[in-house]
PDB file of N, CA and C in Angstrom:
ATOM      1  N   MET A   1       4.736  11.568 -10.018  1.00  0.00           N
ATOM      2  CA  MET A   1       5.578  12.019 -11.921  1.00  0.00           C
ATOM      3  C   MET A   1       5.124  13.245 -11.937  1.00  0.00           C
ATOM      4  N   ARG A   2       3.734  14.105 -11.732  1.00  0.00           N
ATOM      5  CA  ARG A   2       4.827  15.771 -13.016  1.00  0.00           C
ATOM      6  C   ARG A   2       5.910  16.275 -12.072  1.00  0.00           C
ATOM      7  N   ASP A   3       5.400  16.646 -10.723  1.00  0.00           N
ATOM      8  CA  ASP A   3       6.900  17.227  -9.574  1.00  0.00           C
ATOM      9  C   ASP A   3       7.831  16.265 -10.520  1.00  0.00           C
ATOM     10  N   GLN A   4       8.519  14.774 -11.236  1.00  0.00           N
ATOM     11  CA  GLN A   4       9.864  13.830 -10.985  1.00  0.00           C
ATOM     12  C   GLN A   4      10.160  15.211 -11.535  1.00  0.00           C
ATOM     13  N   VAL A   5       8.548  15.067 -12.991  1.00  0.00           N
ATOM     14  CA  VAL A   5       9.148  15.439 -14.515  1.00  0.00           C
ATOM     15  C   VAL A   5      10.112  16.720 -14.524  1.00  0.00           C
ATOM     16  N   LEU A   6       9.466  18.139 -14.002  1.00  0.00           N
ATOM     17  CA  LEU A   6      10.007  19.093 -13.352  1.00  0.00           C
ATOM     18  C   LEU A   6      11.195  19.709 -12.698  1.00  0.00           C
ATOM     19  N   TRP A   7      10.629  18.739 -12.001  1.00  0.00           N
ATOM     20  CA  TRP A   7      12.505  18.144 -11.083  1.00  0.00           C
ATOM     21  C   TRP A   7      13.871  18.013 -12.707  1.00  0.00           C
ATOM     22  N   ARG A   8      13.792  17.298 -12.724  1.00  0.00           N
ATOM     23  CA  ARG A   8      14.790  16.983 -13.623  1.00  0.00           C
ATOM     24  C   ARG A   8      14.420  17.349 -15.125  1.00  0.00           C
ATOM     25  N   LYS A   9      13.900  18.765 -15.368  1.00  0.00           N
ATOM     26  CA  LYS A   9      13.157  19.330 -16.408  1.00  0.00           C
ATOM     27  C   LYS A   9      14.748  21.274 -16.477  1.00  0.00           C
ATOM     28  N   THR A  10      14.493  20.953 -14.965  1.00  0.00           N
ATOM     29  CA  THR A  10      15.138  22.382 -13.993  1.00  0.00           C
ATOM     30  C   THR A  10      16.436  21.797 -13.477  1.00  0.00           C
ATOM     31  N   GLY A  11      16.721  20.364 -13.452  1.00  0.00           N
ATOM     32  CA  GLY A  11      18.175  20.474 -13.300  1.00  0.00           C
ATOM     33  C   GLY A  11      18.992  20.539 -14.536  1.00  0.00           C
ATOM     34  N   ARG A  12      18.557  20.375 -16.185  1.00  0.00           N
ATOM     35  CA  ARG A  12      19.403  19.913 -17.272  1.00  0.00           C
ATOM     36  C   ARG A  12      18.926  21.660 -17.646  1.00  0.00           C
ATOM     37  N   ILE A  13      18.226  22.676 -16.841  1.00  0.00           N
ATOM     38  CA  ILE A  13      17.875  24.095 -17.981  1.00  0.00           C
ATOM     39  C   ILE A  13      19.007  24.272 -16.651  1.00  0.00           C
ATOM     40  N   ALA A  14      19.427  23.913 -15.801  1.00  0.00           N
ATOM     41  CA  ALA A  14      20.055  25.303 -14.757  1.00  0.00           C
ATOM     42  C   ALA A  14      22.207  24.564 -15.467  1.00  0.00           C
ATOM     43  N   THR A  15      21.904  23.229 -15.310  1.00  0.00           N
ATOM     44  CA  THR A  15      23.178  21.945 -15.942  1.00  0.00           C
ATOM     45  C   THR A  15      23.335  23.358 -17.258  1.00  0.00           C
ATOM     46  N   LEU A  16      22.914  23.129 -18.067  1.00  0.00           N
ATOM     47  CA  LEU A  16      22.795  23.491 -19.762  1.00  0.00           C
ATOM     48  C   LEU A  16      23.320  25.559 -19.336  1.00  0.00           C
ATOM     49  N   LEU A  17      22.727  26.230 -18.453  1.00  0.00           N
ATOM     50  CA  LEU A  17      23.420  27.833 -17.844  1.00  0.00           C
ATOM     51  C   LEU A  17      24.747  27.646 -17.461  1.00  0.00           C
ATOM     52  N   ALA A  18      24.333  26.391 -16.771  1.00  0.00           N
ATOM     53  CA  ALA A  18      26.199  26.873 -16.124  1.00  0.00           C
ATOM     54  C   ALA A  18      26.874  26.878 -17.064  1.00  0.00           C
ATOM     55  N   GLU A  19      26.809  25.732 -18.460  1.00  0.00           N
ATOM     56  CA  GLU A  19      27.729  25.796 -19.155  1.00  0.00           C
ATOM     57  C   GLU A  19      27.762  27.141 -20.193  1.00  0.00           C
ATOM     58  N   ARG A  20      26.626  27.236 -20.234  1.00  0.00           N
ATOM     59  CA  ARG A  20      26.663  28.332 -21.206  1.00  0.00           C
ATOM     60  C   ARG A  20      27.624  29.608 -20.979  1.00  0.00           C
ATOM     61  N   LEU A  21      27.427  30.068 -19.849  1.00  0.00           N
ATOM     62  CA  LEU A  21      27.610  31.251 -18.419  1.00  0.00           C
ATOM     63  C   LEU A  21      28.324  31.518 -17.814  1.00  0.00           C
ATOM     64  N   ASP A  22      29.261  30.196 -17.362  1.00  0.00           N
ATOM     65  CA  ASP A  22      30.151  29.398 -17.422  1.00  0.00           C
ATOM     66  C   ASP A  22      30.314  29.662 -15.500  1.00  0.00           C
ATOM     67  N   ILE A  23      29.290  29.540 -15.362  1.00  0.00           N
ATOM     68  CA  ILE A  23      28.937  29.615 -13.869  1.00  0.00           C
ATOM     69  C   ILE A  23      28.683  28.268 -13.323  1.00  0.00           C
ATOM     70  N   ASP A  24      29.099  28.306 -11.798  1.00  0.00           N
ATOM     71  CA  ASP A  24      28.254  27.294 -11.131  1.00  0.00           C
ATOM     72  C   ASP A  24      27.171  27.127 -10.933  1.00  0.00           C
ATOM     73  N   ALA A  25      27.248  25.797 -10.657  1.00  0.00           N
ATOM     74  CA  ALA A  25      25.422  25.202 -10.539  1.00  0.00           C
ATOM     75  C   ALA A  25      24.490  25.802 -10.174  1.00  0.00           C
ATOM     76  N   GLU A  26      25.183  25.902  -8.965  1.00  0.00           N
ATOM     77  CA  GLU A  26      24.104  26.842  -7.129  1.00  0.00           C
ATOM     78  C   GLU A  26      23.626  28.509  -7.840  1.00  0.00           C
ATOM     79  N   ARG A  27      24.190  29.142  -8.647  1.00  0.00           N
ATOM     80  CA  ARG A  27      24.961  30.494  -9.698  1.00  0.00           C
ATOM     81  C   ARG A  27      23.235  29.983 -10.530  1.00  0.00           C
ATOM     82  N   ALA A  28      23.369  29.798 -11.061  1.00  0.00           N
ATOM     83  CA  ALA A  28      22.097  28.577 -12.902  1.00  0.00           C
ATOM     84  C   ALA A  28      21.763  28.349 -12.200  1.00  0.00           C
ATOM     85  N   LEU A  29      20.835  28.013 -10.578  1.00  0.00           N
ATOM     86  CA  LEU A  29      19.765  27.734  -9.615  1.00  0.00           C
ATOM     87  C   LEU A  29      19.256  29.039  -9.136  1.00  0.00           C
ATOM     88  N   ASP A  30      20.451  29.846  -8.732  1.00  0.00           N
ATOM     89  CA  ASP A  30      19.438  31.342  -7.998  1.00  0.00           C
ATOM     90  C   ASP A  30      18.524  31.546  -9.527  1.00  0.00           C
ATOM     91  N   LEU A  31      19.537  31.551 -10.577  1.00  0.00           N
ATOM     92  CA  LEU A  31      19.771  32.838 -11.764  1.00  0.00           C
ATOM     93  C   LEU A  31      17.917  32.513 -12.109  1.00  0.00           C
ATOM     94  N   LEU A  32      18.256  30.746 -12.472  1.00  0.00           N
ATOM     95  CA  LEU A  32      16.200  30.332 -12.400  1.00  0.00           C
ATOM     96  C   LEU A  32      15.392  30.876 -11.512  1.00  0.00           C
ATOM     97  N   TYR A  33      15.581  30.038 -10.852  1.00  0.00           N
ATOM     98  CA  TYR A  33      14.588  30.290  -9.473  1.00  0.00           C
ATOM     99  C   TYR A  33      13.891  31.378  -9.961  1.00  0.00           C
ATOM    100  N   ASN A  34      14.447  32.907  -9.707  1.00  0.00           N
ATOM    101  CA  ASN A  34      13.513  33.937  -9.563  1.00  0.00           C
ATOM    102  C   ASN A  34      14.317  34.311 -11.002  1.00  0.00           C
ATOM    103  N   SER A  35      13.403  34.012 -12.457  1.00  0.00           N
ATOM    104  CA  SER A  35      13.536  34.335 -13.786  1.00  0.00           C
ATOM    105  C   SER A  35      11.880  33.814 -13.646  1.00  0.00           C
ATOM    106  N   ARG A  36      11.302  35.198 -14.425  1.00  0.00           N
ATOM    107  CA  ARG A  36      10.130  34.758 -15.691  1.00  0.00           C
ATOM    108  C   ARG A  36       9.990  33.195 -16.232  1.00  0.00           C
ATOM    109  N   THR A  37      10.734  33.668 -16.454  1.00  0.00           N
ATOM    110  CA  THR A  37      11.011  32.105 -17.138  1.00  0.00           C
ATOM    111  C   THR A  37      10.324  30.758 -16.939  1.00  0.00           C
ATOM    112  N   TYR A  38      11.349  30.104 -15.439  1.00  0.00           N
ATOM    113  CA  TYR A  38      11.346  29.491 -14.210  1.00  0.00           C
ATOM    114  C   TYR A  38       8.892  29.511 -14.011  1.00  0.00           C
ATOM    115  N   ALA A  39       9.157  30.966 -13.574  1.00  0.00           N
ATOM    116  CA  ALA A  39       7.478  30.782 -12.616  1.00  0.00           C
ATOM    117  C   ALA A  39       6.633  30.678 -14.436  1.00  0.00           C
ATOM    118  N   LEU A  40       6.431  30.752 -15.500  1.00  0.00           N
ATOM    119  CA  LEU A  40       6.237  29.812 -17.142  1.00  0.00           C
ATOM    120  C   LEU A  40       6.592  28.542 -16.311  1.00  0.00           C
ATOM    121  N   LEU A  41       7.471  28.233 -15.958  1.00  0.00           N
ATOM    122  CA  LEU A  41       8.129  26.390 -16.245  1.00  0.00           C
ATOM    123  C   LEU A  41       6.471  26.111 -15.773  1.00  0.00           C
ATOM    124  N   THR A  42       6.908  26.957 -13.836  1.00  0.00           N
ATOM    125  CA  THR A  42       6.326  25.695 -13.416  1.00  0.00           C
ATOM    126  C   THR A  42       4.453  25.984 -13.381  1.00  0.00           C
ATOM    127  N   ASN A  43       4.162  26.235 -14.149  1.00  0.00           N
ATOM    128  CA  ASN A  43       2.469  27.022 -14.499  1.00  0.00           C
ATOM    129  C   ASN A  43       2.314  26.207 -15.826  1.00  0.00           C
ATOM    130  N   PRO A  44       1.686  25.264 -15.183  1.00  0.00           N
ATOM    131  CA  PRO A  44       0.954  23.893 -16.372  1.00  0.00           C
ATOM    132  C   PRO A  44       0.489  24.708 -17.462  1.00  0.00           C
ATOM    133  N   ASP A  45      -0.379  25.278 -16.808  1.00  0.00           N
ATOM    134  CA  ASP A  45      -1.690  26.593 -17.495  1.00  0.00           C
ATOM    135  C   ASP A  45      -0.147  26.666 -19.153  1.00  0.00           C
ATOM    136  N   SER A  46       0.690  26.922 -18.464  1.00  0.00           N
ATOM    137  CA  SER A  46       2.217  28.205 -19.813  1.00  0.00           C
ATOM    138  C   SER A  46       1.974  27.481 -20.997  1.00  0.00           C
ATOM    139  N   GLY A  47       2.379  26.317 -20.621  1.00  0.00           N
ATOM    140  CA  GLY A  47       2.509  24.697 -21.747  1.00  0.00           C
ATOM    141  C   GLY A  47       4.217  24.555 -21.880  1.00  0.00           C
ATOM    142  N   LEU A  48       5.307  24.914 -20.906  1.00  0.00           N
ATOM    143  CA  LEU A  48       6.267  25.872 -21.626  1.00  0.00           C
ATOM    144  C   LEU A  48       7.123  24.354 -21.105  1.00  0.00           C
ATOM    145  N   GLN A  49       6.419  22.894 -20.772  1.00  0.00           N
ATOM    146  CA  GLN A  49       6.687  22.781 -19.379  1.00  0.00           C
ATOM    147  C   GLN A  49       7.598  21.147 -20.781  1.00  0.00           C
ATOM    148  N   LEU A  50       6.339  21.446 -22.062  1.00  0.00           N
ATOM    149  CA  LEU A  50       6.175  20.651 -23.164  1.00  0.00           C
ATOM    150  C   LEU A  50       7.009  21.362 -23.849  1.00  0.00           C
ATOM    151  N   GLN A  51       7.817  22.076 -23.207  1.00  0.00           N
ATOM    152  CA  GLN A  51       8.653  22.594 -24.138  1.00  0.00           C
ATOM    153  C   GLN A  51      10.638  21.548 -24.253  1.00  0.00           C
ATOM    154  N   SER A  52      11.113  21.966 -25.686  1.00  0.00           N
ATOM    155  CA  SER A  52      12.527  20.976 -24.618  1.00  0.00           C
ATOM    156  C   SER A  52      13.632  22.774 -23.924  1.00  0.00           C
ATOM    157  N   ASP A  53      14.643  21.974 -23.695  1.00  0.00           N
ATOM    158  CA  ASP A  53      15.049  21.765 -22.923  1.00  0.00           C
ATOM    159  C   ASP A  53      16.341  23.460 -23.657  1.00  0.00           C
ATOM    160  N   ALA A  54      16.911  23.428 -24.662  1.00  0.00           N
ATOM    161  CA  ALA A  54      17.530  24.209 -25.701  1.00  0.00           C
ATOM    162  C   ALA A  54      16.281  25.454 -25.263  1.00  0.00           C
ATOM    163  N   TYR A  55      15.050  24.917 -26.289  1.00  0.00           N
ATOM    164  CA  TYR A  55      13.970  26.097 -25.875  1.00  0.00           C
ATOM    165  C   TYR A  55      14.188  26.483 -24.665  1.00  0.00           C
ATOM    166  N   ILE A  56      13.733  26.315 -24.022  1.00  0.00           N
ATOM    167  CA  ILE A  56      13.490  27.308 -22.198  1.00  0.00           C
ATOM    168  C   ILE A  56      15.135  27.303 -21.985  1.00  0.00           C
ATOM    169  N   LEU A  57      16.053  27.317 -22.357  1.00  0.00           N
ATOM    170  CA  LEU A  57      17.579  28.097 -21.984  1.00  0.00           C
ATOM    171  C   LEU A  57      17.600  29.347 -23.127  1.00  0.00           C
ATOM    172  N   THR A  58      16.817  29.752 -24.087  1.00  0.00           N
ATOM    173  CA  THR A  58      17.165  29.987 -25.677  1.00  0.00           C
ATOM    174  C   THR A  58      16.150  31.238 -24.750  1.00  0.00           C
ATOM    175  N   ASP A  59      14.781  30.583 -24.217  1.00  0.00           N
ATOM    176  CA  ASP A  59      13.689  31.525 -23.338  1.00  0.00           C
ATOM    177  C   ASP A  59      14.765  33.026 -22.419  1.00  0.00           C
ATOM    178  N   LEU A  60      15.299  31.332 -22.055  1.00  0.00           N
ATOM    179  CA  LEU A  60      15.948  31.864 -20.259  1.00  0.00           C
ATOM    180  C   LEU A  60      17.123  33.180 -20.675  1.00  0.00           C
ATOM    181  N   LEU A  61      17.951  32.880 -20.888  1.00  0.00           N
ATOM    182  CA  LEU A  61      19.271  33.722 -21.989  1.00  0.00           C
ATOM    183  C   LEU A  61      18.531  34.536 -22.001  1.00  0.00           C
ATOM    184  N   ARG A  62      17.950  35.438 -22.848  1.00  0.00           N
ATOM    185  CA  ARG A  62      16.761  36.148 -23.245  1.00  0.00           C
ATOM    186  C   ARG A  62      16.110  37.417 -22.877  1.00  0.00           C
ATOM    187  N   GLU A  63      15.660  36.085 -21.502  1.00  0.00           N
ATOM    188  CA  GLU A  63      15.320  37.096 -19.911  1.00  0.00           C
ATOM    189  C   GLU A  63      16.370  37.529 -19.160  1.00  0.00           C
ATOM    190  N   LEU A  64      17.924  37.014 -19.586  1.00  0.00           N
ATOM    191  CA  LEU A  64      18.730  37.291 -18.483  1.00  0.00           C
ATOM    192  C   LEU A  64      20.020  38.866 -19.412  1.00  0.00           C
ATOM    193  N   GLU A  65      19.618  38.478 -20.286  1.00  0.00           N
ATOM    194  CA  GLU A  65      20.229  39.845 -20.943  1.00  0.00           C
ATOM    195  C   GLU A  65      19.198  40.811 -21.501  1.00  0.00           C
ATOM    196  N   GLU A  66      17.575  41.270 -21.092  1.00  0.00           N
ATOM    197  CA  GLU A  66      16.365  42.093 -20.534  1.00  0.00           C
ATOM    198  C   GLU A  66      16.257  42.286 -20.295  1.00  0.00           C
ATOM    199  N   ARG A  67      17.406  42.643 -18.808  1.00  0.00           N
ATOM    200  CA  ARG A  67      17.805  42.480 -17.636  1.00  0.00           C
ATOM    201  C   ARG A  67      18.818  43.732 -17.521  1.00  0.00           C
ATOM    202  N   GLN A  68      19.553  43.161 -18.029  1.00  0.00           N
ATOM    203  CA  GLN A  68      20.557  43.603 -18.713  1.00  0.00           C
ATOM    204  C   GLN A  68      20.814  45.375 -18.919  1.00  0.00           C
TER     205      GLN A  68
END
């Protein structure tokens, strides 16, 4: 069950990221999967899974800005 919830949450966050950055879904998933935010999201001990999609997106966008 937890894997299905995480899978759906990942999809929603990738969709939001694609819309925000005006990129395709594949690129958004690539950015998400290769981020520190995703590593935290997949770690149940981090508690990030309990946060809203918007909160996680904000964290991811901040991380991507710091990379540049």
